[in-house]
Amino acid sequence: MTYRVCFVCTGNICRSPMAEAVFRAHVAEAGLDGLVQVDSAGTDGWHDGEGADPRTMAVLEENGHSLDHTARRFDPSWFARLDLVIALDAGHLRTLRRLAPTERDADKVRLLRSYDPAADHGDLDVPDPYYGGADGFEECLEMVEAASAGLLAAVREQVRGRAA
């Protein structure tokens, strides 16, 4: 049975596609690509049908990641098929939990940086790099990478639990 993870930011062109690409690479490296499905979406539909921000793509490519991406809006009906919904900031977390049709679905929503043991747990947001320069996209990538190992460990544990 496939374990499904969806990363969610606002427009699905910067942070969430970056997290999708990085985490998908970690899943593949761990040999779990046949067991874990990774995708992304946005809380708003402003960029539906568009590709990822060129700055996101540049930072990913510079760091050895690839991504074929089309932005889309998160649909609350997806909760039924998703195992984990990863919010990139506290605003997304609140929105997603409010959209969740059940309490069980709301419990599927987590903040990405909660998986980074070195993160300041008073501020777990991945800042939106959209209105800034390339350094904001690089900082975003660093935060995503820092949380990916912890997230992978948590997902691996869930996948093992299903196999048992």
C-alpha atoms as a PDB file:
ATOM      1  CA  MET A   1       0.000   0.000   0.000  1.00  0.00           C
ATOM      2  CA  THR A   2       1.426   3.380  -1.060  1.00  0.00           C
ATOM      3  CA  TYR A   3       2.063   6.026   1.606  1.00  0.00           C
ATOM      4  CA  ARG A   4       1.078   9.453   0.255  1.00  0.00           C
ATOM      5  CA  VAL A   5       2.631  12.789   1.274  1.00  0.00           C
ATOM      6  CA  CYS A   6       1.556  16.209  -0.027  1.00  0.00           C
ATOM      7  CA  PHE A   7       3.500  19.430   0.634  1.00  0.00           C
ATOM      8  CA  VAL A   8       1.404  22.601   0.734  1.00  0.00           C
ATOM      9  CA  CYS A   9       2.300  26.309   0.533  1.00  0.00           C
ATOM     10  CA  THR A  10       0.272  29.261  -0.764  1.00  0.00           C
ATOM     11  CA  GLY A  11       0.600  29.256  -4.556  1.00  0.00           C
ATOM     12  CA  ASN A  12       2.406  25.950  -5.199  1.00  0.00           C
ATOM     13  CA  ILE A  13       5.206  27.560  -7.211  1.00  0.00           C
ATOM     14  CA  CYS A  14       8.000  28.101  -4.640  1.00  0.00           C
ATOM     15  CA  ARG A  15       8.174  26.319  -1.297  1.00  0.00           C
ATOM     16  CA  SER A  16       5.943  23.286  -1.774  1.00  0.00           C
ATOM     17  CA  PRO A  17       7.346  22.217  -5.162  1.00  0.00           C
ATOM     18  CA  MET A  18      10.853  22.660  -3.734  1.00  0.00           C
ATOM     19  CA  ALA A  19       9.936  20.431  -0.781  1.00  0.00           C
ATOM     20  CA  GLU A  20       8.331  17.915  -3.153  1.00  0.00           C
ATOM     21  CA  ALA A  21      11.491  17.654  -5.287  1.00  0.00           C
ATOM     22  CA  VAL A  22      13.868  17.386  -2.334  1.00  0.00           C
ATOM     23  CA  PHE A  23      11.786  14.877  -0.422  1.00  0.00           C
ATOM     24  CA  ARG A  24      11.160  12.765  -3.527  1.00  0.00           C
ATOM     25  CA  ALA A  25      14.954  12.543  -3.960  1.00  0.00           C
ATOM     26  CA  HIS A  26      15.367  11.452  -0.326  1.00  0.00           C
ATOM     27  CA  VAL A  27      12.639   8.836  -0.758  1.00  0.00           C
ATOM     28  CA  ALA A  28      14.371   7.481  -3.874  1.00  0.00           C
ATOM     29  CA  GLU A  29      17.783   7.411  -2.155  1.00  0.00           C
ATOM     30  CA  ALA A  30      16.221   5.442   0.699  1.00  0.00           C
ATOM     31  CA  GLY A  31      14.813   2.891  -1.739  1.00  0.00           C
ATOM     32  CA  LEU A  32      11.231   3.800  -0.853  1.00  0.00           C
ATOM     33  CA  ASP A  33      10.150   5.322  -4.164  1.00  0.00           C
ATOM     34  CA  GLY A  34       7.849   2.378  -4.889  1.00  0.00           C
ATOM     35  CA  LEU A  35       6.226   2.715  -1.465  1.00  0.00           C
ATOM     36  CA  VAL A  36       5.958   6.492  -0.986  1.00  0.00           C
ATOM     37  CA  GLN A  37       4.247   8.933  -3.340  1.00  0.00           C
ATOM     38  CA  VAL A  38       5.181  12.627  -3.046  1.00  0.00           C
ATOM     39  CA  ASP A  39       3.399  15.640  -4.527  1.00  0.00           C
ATOM     40  CA  SER A  40       2.479  19.236  -3.707  1.00  0.00           C
ATOM     41  CA  ALA A  41      -0.302  21.802  -3.893  1.00  0.00           C
ATOM     42  CA  GLY A  42      -1.241  25.331  -2.830  1.00  0.00           C
ATOM     43  CA  THR A  43      -3.867  26.665  -0.467  1.00  0.00           C
ATOM     44  CA  ASP A  44      -4.849  29.209  -3.125  1.00  0.00           C
ATOM     45  CA  GLY A  45      -5.390  28.813  -6.850  1.00  0.00           C
ATOM     46  CA  TRP A  46      -3.550  31.913  -8.046  1.00  0.00           C
ATOM     47  CA  HIS A  47      -0.999  29.941 -10.063  1.00  0.00           C
ATOM     48  CA  ASP A  48      -3.042  26.902 -11.141  1.00  0.00           C
ATOM     49  CA  GLY A  49      -1.603  25.415 -14.307  1.00  0.00           C
ATOM     50  CA  GLU A  50       1.689  27.333 -14.119  1.00  0.00           C
ATOM     51  CA  GLY A  51       5.142  25.857 -13.728  1.00  0.00           C
ATOM     52  CA  ALA A  52       7.315  26.368 -10.670  1.00  0.00           C
ATOM     53  CA  ASP A  53       8.919  29.779 -10.162  1.00  0.00           C
ATOM     54  CA  PRO A  54      12.122  29.966 -12.273  1.00  0.00           C
ATOM     55  CA  ARG A  55      14.104  30.820  -9.128  1.00  0.00           C
ATOM     56  CA  THR A  56      12.845  27.630  -7.480  1.00  0.00           C
ATOM     57  CA  MET A  57      13.896  25.647 -10.535  1.00  0.00           C
ATOM     58  CA  ALA A  58      17.329  27.319 -10.633  1.00  0.00           C
ATOM     59  CA  VAL A  59      18.068  26.577  -6.962  1.00  0.00           C
ATOM     60  CA  LEU A  60      16.872  22.987  -7.335  1.00  0.00           C
ATOM     61  CA  GLU A  61      18.968  22.399 -10.459  1.00  0.00           C
ATOM     62  CA  GLU A  62      22.051  24.018  -8.896  1.00  0.00           C
ATOM     63  CA  ASN A  63      21.714  21.513  -6.064  1.00  0.00           C
ATOM     64  CA  GLY A  64      21.164  18.410  -8.173  1.00  0.00           C
ATOM     65  CA  HIS A  65      17.375  18.175  -8.021  1.00  0.00           C
ATOM     66  CA  SER A  66      14.923  17.964 -10.887  1.00  0.00           C
ATOM     67  CA  LEU A  67      11.221  18.683 -10.997  1.00  0.00           C
ATOM     68  CA  ASP A  68       8.451  18.485 -13.552  1.00  0.00           C
ATOM     69  CA  HIS A  69       5.765  20.653 -11.970  1.00  0.00           C
ATOM     70  CA  THR A  70       2.367  22.185 -12.635  1.00  0.00           C
ATOM     71  CA  ALA A  71       0.812  24.243  -9.837  1.00  0.00           C
ATOM     72  CA  ARG A  72      -2.546  23.207  -8.454  1.00  0.00           C
ATOM     73  CA  ARG A  73      -4.828  24.039  -5.556  1.00  0.00           C
ATOM     74  CA  PHE A  74      -5.245  21.652  -2.636  1.00  0.00           C
ATOM     75  CA  ASP A  75      -8.670  20.005  -2.650  1.00  0.00           C
ATOM     76  CA  PRO A  76     -10.102  18.954   0.735  1.00  0.00           C
ATOM     77  CA  SER A  77     -11.361  15.702  -0.831  1.00  0.00           C
ATOM     78  CA  TRP A  78      -7.677  14.644  -1.107  1.00  0.00           C
ATOM     79  CA  PHE A  79      -7.508  14.107   2.658  1.00  0.00           C
ATOM     80  CA  ALA A  80      -9.200  10.730   2.122  1.00  0.00           C
ATOM     81  CA  ARG A  81      -6.257   9.425   0.076  1.00  0.00           C
ATOM     82  CA  LEU A  82      -3.379  11.256   1.785  1.00  0.00           C
ATOM     83  CA  ASP A  83      -1.471   9.942   4.777  1.00  0.00           C
ATOM     84  CA  LEU A  84       0.458  13.108   5.593  1.00  0.00           C
ATOM     85  CA  VAL A  85      -0.086  16.746   4.605  1.00  0.00           C
ATOM     86  CA  ILE A  86       2.986  18.919   5.179  1.00  0.00           C
ATOM     87  CA  ALA A  87       2.380  22.644   5.646  1.00  0.00           C
ATOM     88  CA  LEU A  88       5.250  25.033   4.958  1.00  0.00           C
ATOM     89  CA  ASP A  89       4.134  27.664   7.475  1.00  0.00           C
ATOM     90  CA  ALA A  90       1.676  28.193  10.332  1.00  0.00           C
ATOM     91  CA  GLY A  91      -0.847  29.953   8.069  1.00  0.00           C
ATOM     92  CA  HIS A  92      -0.985  26.919   5.791  1.00  0.00           C
ATOM     93  CA  LEU A  93      -1.283  24.664   8.840  1.00  0.00           C
ATOM     94  CA  ARG A  94      -4.347  26.585  10.091  1.00  0.00           C
ATOM     95  CA  THR A  95      -5.931  26.680   6.630  1.00  0.00           C
ATOM     96  CA  LEU A  96      -5.424  22.971   6.022  1.00  0.00           C
ATOM     97  CA  ARG A  97      -6.742  21.965   9.435  1.00  0.00           C
ATOM     98  CA  ARG A  98      -9.779  24.169   8.855  1.00  0.00           C
ATOM     99  CA  LEU A  99     -10.345  22.499   5.452  1.00  0.00           C
ATOM    100  CA  ALA A 100     -10.042  18.995   6.907  1.00  0.00           C
ATOM    101  CA  PRO A 101     -13.423  17.232   6.800  1.00  0.00           C
ATOM    102  CA  THR A 102     -12.721  15.230   9.978  1.00  0.00           C
ATOM    103  CA  GLU A 103     -10.582  15.471  13.094  1.00  0.00           C
ATOM    104  CA  ARG A 104      -8.620  12.448  11.841  1.00  0.00           C
ATOM    105  CA  ASP A 105      -7.845  14.345   8.630  1.00  0.00           C
ATOM    106  CA  ALA A 106      -6.793  17.445  10.592  1.00  0.00           C
ATOM    107  CA  ASP A 107      -4.353  15.233  12.503  1.00  0.00           C
ATOM    108  CA  LYS A 108      -2.610  14.391   9.211  1.00  0.00           C
ATOM    109  CA  VAL A 109      -1.390  18.011   8.873  1.00  0.00           C
ATOM    110  CA  ARG A 110       2.105  18.805  10.176  1.00  0.00           C
ATOM    111  CA  LEU A 111       4.613  21.629   9.795  1.00  0.00           C
ATOM    112  CA  LEU A 112       7.665  20.663   7.752  1.00  0.00           C
ATOM    113  CA  ARG A 113      10.205  22.174  10.125  1.00  0.00           C
ATOM    114  CA  SER A 114       8.762  20.216  13.058  1.00  0.00           C
ATOM    115  CA  TYR A 115      10.875  17.376  11.612  1.00  0.00           C
ATOM    116  CA  ASP A 116      14.101  19.405  11.948  1.00  0.00           C
ATOM    117  CA  PRO A 117      15.552  18.813  15.443  1.00  0.00           C
ATOM    118  CA  ALA A 118      17.771  21.909  15.085  1.00  0.00           C
ATOM    119  CA  ALA A 119      14.870  24.240  14.203  1.00  0.00           C
ATOM    120  CA  ASP A 120      13.734  26.964  16.584  1.00  0.00           C
ATOM    121  CA  HIS A 121      10.483  25.369  17.697  1.00  0.00           C
ATOM    122  CA  GLY A 122       9.089  28.829  18.446  1.00  0.00           C
ATOM    123  CA  ASP A 123       9.213  29.609  14.709  1.00  0.00           C
ATOM    124  CA  LEU A 124       8.728  26.663  12.374  1.00  0.00           C
ATOM    125  CA  ASP A 125       7.758  28.647   9.271  1.00  0.00           C
ATOM    126  CA  VAL A 126       9.656  28.321   6.019  1.00  0.00           C
ATOM    127  CA  PRO A 127       9.605  31.986   4.893  1.00  0.00           C
ATOM    128  CA  ASP A 128       8.039  32.738   1.518  1.00  0.00           C
ATOM    129  CA  PRO A 129      10.892  33.636  -0.863  1.00  0.00           C
ATOM    130  CA  TYR A 130       8.611  34.879  -3.666  1.00  0.00           C
ATOM    131  CA  TYR A 131       9.080  38.624  -3.156  1.00  0.00           C
ATOM    132  CA  GLY A 132      12.815  38.437  -2.471  1.00  0.00           C
ATOM    133  CA  GLY A 133      15.977  37.471  -4.263  1.00  0.00           C
ATOM    134  CA  ALA A 134      17.819  34.235  -4.885  1.00  0.00           C
ATOM    135  CA  ASP A 135      19.132  34.107  -1.311  1.00  0.00           C
ATOM    136  CA  GLY A 136      15.573  33.542  -0.026  1.00  0.00           C
ATOM    137  CA  PHE A 137      15.207  30.529  -2.310  1.00  0.00           C
ATOM    138  CA  GLU A 138      18.540  29.160  -1.124  1.00  0.00           C
ATOM    139  CA  GLU A 139      17.460  29.635   2.509  1.00  0.00           C
ATOM    140  CA  CYS A 140      14.210  27.836   1.716  1.00  0.00           C
ATOM    141  CA  LEU A 141      16.155  24.920   0.237  1.00  0.00           C
ATOM    142  CA  GLU A 142      18.380  24.746   3.332  1.00  0.00           C
ATOM    143  CA  MET A 143      15.327  24.566   5.599  1.00  0.00           C
ATOM    144  CA  VAL A 144      13.683  21.916   3.438  1.00  0.00           C
ATOM    145  CA  GLU A 145      16.866  19.826   3.370  1.00  0.00           C
ATOM    146  CA  ALA A 146      17.316  20.169   7.146  1.00  0.00           C
ATOM    147  CA  ALA A 147      13.822  18.807   7.806  1.00  0.00           C
ATOM    148  CA  SER A 148      13.893  16.053   5.178  1.00  0.00           C
ATOM    149  CA  ALA A 149      15.923  13.505   7.164  1.00  0.00           C
ATOM    150  CA  GLY A 150      13.542  13.671  10.127  1.00  0.00           C
ATOM    151  CA  LEU A 151      10.516  13.532   7.850  1.00  0.00           C
ATOM    152  CA  LEU A 152      11.981  10.556   6.014  1.00  0.00           C
ATOM    153  CA  ALA A 153      12.553   8.740   9.311  1.00  0.00           C
ATOM    154  CA  ALA A 154       8.932   9.349  10.328  1.00  0.00           C
ATOM    155  CA  VAL A 155       7.576   8.210   6.956  1.00  0.00           C
ATOM    156  CA  ARG A 156       9.847   5.149   6.935  1.00  0.00           C
ATOM    157  CA  GLU A 157       8.446   4.173  10.349  1.00  0.00           C
ATOM    158  CA  GLN A 158       4.896   4.487   9.047  1.00  0.00           C
ATOM    159  CA  VAL A 159       5.695   2.438   5.946  1.00  0.00           C
ATOM    160  CA  ARG A 160       7.290  -0.270   8.109  1.00  0.00           C
ATOM    161  CA  GLY A 161       4.231  -0.262  10.357  1.00  0.00           C
ATOM    162  CA  ARG A 162       1.998  -0.972   7.368  1.00  0.00           C
ATOM    163  CA  ALA A 163       4.187  -3.858   6.234  1.00  0.00           C
ATOM    164  CA  ALA A 164       4.107  -5.499   9.673  1.00  0.00           C
END
